[in-house]
Structures are given as structure tokens and as C-alpha cells.
Amino acid sequence: MRKLSLLAAALCAAASFTTGASVASAAEGAFTPTFDFHGYFRSGVGVSKDGAEASWSKTYLGRLGNEDDTYGELEFGSTVYKLNDVSFYLDAMVSMVTDGSNDDENTNGTDASTGNGDANFGLRQFNLQIKGLIPGQKDAVVWAGKRYYQRGDIHVIDTKYINISGAGAGVEYLKMGPGALSLAWIRADSQNVDYRYDDGYDEDSYYAEQNAAKSTTNINFLDARYAGSYWNGGWLEFISTVAIPQDPDTVTEGGPNGPNGSAVDVSPSAVYDNGTSFMGTIVLSQDMFGGYNKTVVQYANNGLAHNMVDMGGGWYDSWNDADSASGFRIMNTGEIPVTDDFRFTHALTYGYASDIGATVDDEDLISAVARVTYQTTQYSRIMAELGAFSQTVNYTNGTDWEVAGQKYTLALAFAPDKEILSRPELRIYASYITSDGDTDVSNSLGQAVYDNNFNFGVQAEAWW
């Protein structure tokens, strides 16, 4: 019920925007508050040869015909005050995710297959944005609260290459020279750290005996960005992100100081101190041939280095010994209209990281995804997507772990426009997913479905 109340609270807050705003603007008597409603969803039904639809490594193989969930976001916003160049904007968003297996998917813990509630609700954004407050900077925004912060997205593989989001504060779009500067302080903790993957449980500690105590590493992110268009059709962005961890002295379980009411110091055995970590990002985009091309180059160290080989966008690793880790990643994506009816998009990734665990020497990842679309009528189109990846982990004891996979998808889709990202879209698809190496394709419940699988399904996706 508590999670459901988040949705109710957000809806009530959104509804109150107009009421509250009328008071704020009454003195001016000239401004009518706006109301914005945005959202995203994907949902559908599918089947594989083993029953439940298989979804595996979509950030490596591509997402078309490789998703098995229902996910949605509802966002409500309002400009509650505006006078000349100064405006106050309130923003709220809730999200939900479920496996889509039942009609009544609630939060009561009725899903016997997982022991948890069918649906998970989350408060994703709740913030205030003040535009034009800084003299001489009418486009600059001062903000505070919880928000998605300038995320970088590659949609075809459902990957955010930069995603420093959470509760925070900052100022963005300060005009300086040919570009604009953005500065932010954001909190995004490593939560519920209950296992050190490199070492296992310490059987003599309270932490291991209880098997329920959790530790949280407080992570403060300091993020600086400078971006601008320096030539016709081009865009260049520089991002510097520093993660500063602060380990708590105690963890709590069952009460404010543990089940027996006393402070329990278990954080040294629960989390690794990977120290202050850095991630640098350069993004180069260029319009070309009626489409675009984007290249992303990144470097990261310590607790952020793993992002270079797991398609992460900036989360901090407190589970593995990575205080001397480093890595880099190069990504390229784009969309090209070959003809008026034929379009091509792709996503290429190469990542490398070393010392991201006590037993890991180095790890590399290569991934390639391509999607072609042919418009058959005004609203219908045929799509084909091919994806492949290979990942290798070399361990300090001389052994290695390798995995590779391929995906082949054919789909008939219906959308209001020719662009590949035109939405809403309804698609009927068939996918074949196969793996090689030391792992098997699994469905969302983690059940093995051998080393190949065939999906057939219908899915809708939209944003507005």
C-alpha cells in the first residue's frame, strides 16, 4: 500500500499544481499556469518454445523482440509562475514495472514464483526548476529535487551511457562562450550491499549470521558538463563526473540500531572502499544525410570502471574490490535514411576494464546491433534487427570466462511516421536468440531455456 500511495501522491501533487499556481500568480494577474502530461510505456504478450518469453542481454543484442516486461512512466509538470523571463516549473514522475503475467499485478506479494509483489512502483522525479533567475542568463535553470539528469540514451539497445540521476541540486545551461555549462550535485547510494562477491560471507560475523543486514554506501556525485554546437549540424559535449563515497559506521536491520536495539558495525565486512572515482565522457554528434551519427568516448576508474564493460551509465560498485580499477569505452550510433522508405540504424560498442574485482585481471566487451526499416504503406513497415556480442573475463589465476550471443528479429510494425523512433508503435515480431560459451539464454525468472530460443509476440511502445 505504501508503494501505491506514491502514485496517488504524485497524482494529487500534479492536480494541485494549478490550484497552488493560481495563488502564486494572482498578484501578477496575467499568467495562466500550464499543465504538462508526459509518459512512456511498453507492454505486450509473447511466447517462446519453453513457455515464458525469453529476454536476454538486450543491451548487447538489441531490444526489438527481446523484451518481456510491462514498464511505464507517468510524468506531470506545471509552470506555476512566469513573469518576463523568470519561470518556476514543478515536475513529478512515477514509474512501474511488472512481468506482465497477470491481470491484477499489485504490490501485495502475491507472485508465488518470486515471493514478491507483481508490480514495483517508484518515485522517479520530484523537483523544482527555476529558469531565468540568474541575471543575464535567461536560459539558465536553477533546480533542486529528485530528477533524471541530462541522461544520454541509445534507444536501440536501451542503454544510458551517462545516467547520474537521483536527488540533488544544480544549475544548468549557463551560457559561456560558444557552449553552456551545467553543474550538479546528486546523491545516488549503493544500497542493500549484503555480499562481497570477491570474498563471500564471513561466517564469524553478525553480518553473515543474520543474512539480512544490509549496508549502504552514501555516494555523492559531482557532475560538470560543457556542451555546444561549434559548427553547422555538429554537437560536442564534455562531461566530468566524480563519485565520492562515504561508508556508514553501522547498518540497520529490524530497528534503528539493529534487531536487538544496539549499533552493529558490519560495514567493513559488507562493502568495499573503492574510494573517490572518476568518469570522463566526450560526446560528438553530427547531422548527416538527413540523419545523424553520434560517437561516445569514456574513461572511468575505481568504483565507476565496471560501467565500461556492463553498459552502465554511472552507478558505483561497492560489491567488488575495485580500488585500482580502470577502463574505457567507445560507442557509435546513428540513423541514416538510405531512401525515402528505407532507413538504417546501428549501435556499436567496445569496452575494456582491468582490476574490477579481486579475482579479475581484465574484461572486454564488443557488441554490434543493426536495425533496418522498410516503409510499406503510410502506417506500416517491416523491420529486421541483427545483434551480436562477445564478452571475455580473464581471471588472476589464469582461467577465463567467455560468452557470446546472437539475435535475429523480424517484425511488422505500425506507427504514424517513417522515422525509426516514431511512436506510438505496435509491432508483431519473431526472434531467434542463441548463445555460445559459458552461459545459456534465460528468461526473466532466471530459468534456463537451453542455448537457443525462439520468441513470438506482440508489443506496443509509446512516449508522449
Foldseek 3Di string as FASTA:
>chain_A
DVLVVLVVVLVVVLVCLQVVLCVVCVVVVPDHKDKDKWKKKKDWDKAWPVGQQFAPQLLFWWDVSRDQKIKMKIKMKMFSDDDDLKTKMWIWMKMKMFRRPDDDQDQPQPPPLVSGGRMGMDTQWTKMWIACPDPPHSGKIWMFFWYFDPWQADRRSGFTQATQTTGWTWMWQCDDPQKGKIKIKHKDKDWFQLAQVQPGDDVPFPSVVVSRWGWIKIKIKIKMKIKHAPDPQKIKMKIKIKIATDGDQFTEDVDPQYVVPHNGGDRVVRWEPLGIKIKIKMKMKGDDQNKIKIKIKMKIAGQQACCQASSHNGDGDGNFGGNGKMKMKMKMWMKHQPDPFKIKIKIWMKMKMARRHPFWGIKIKTKIKMKMWGDDDQFKIKMKMKIKMKMKTATPVGDIFIKMKIKIKIKMKTANHRDPPGDFMKIWMKMKMFMDTDDAGARPSRDGPGGMMMMTIIMTIGID
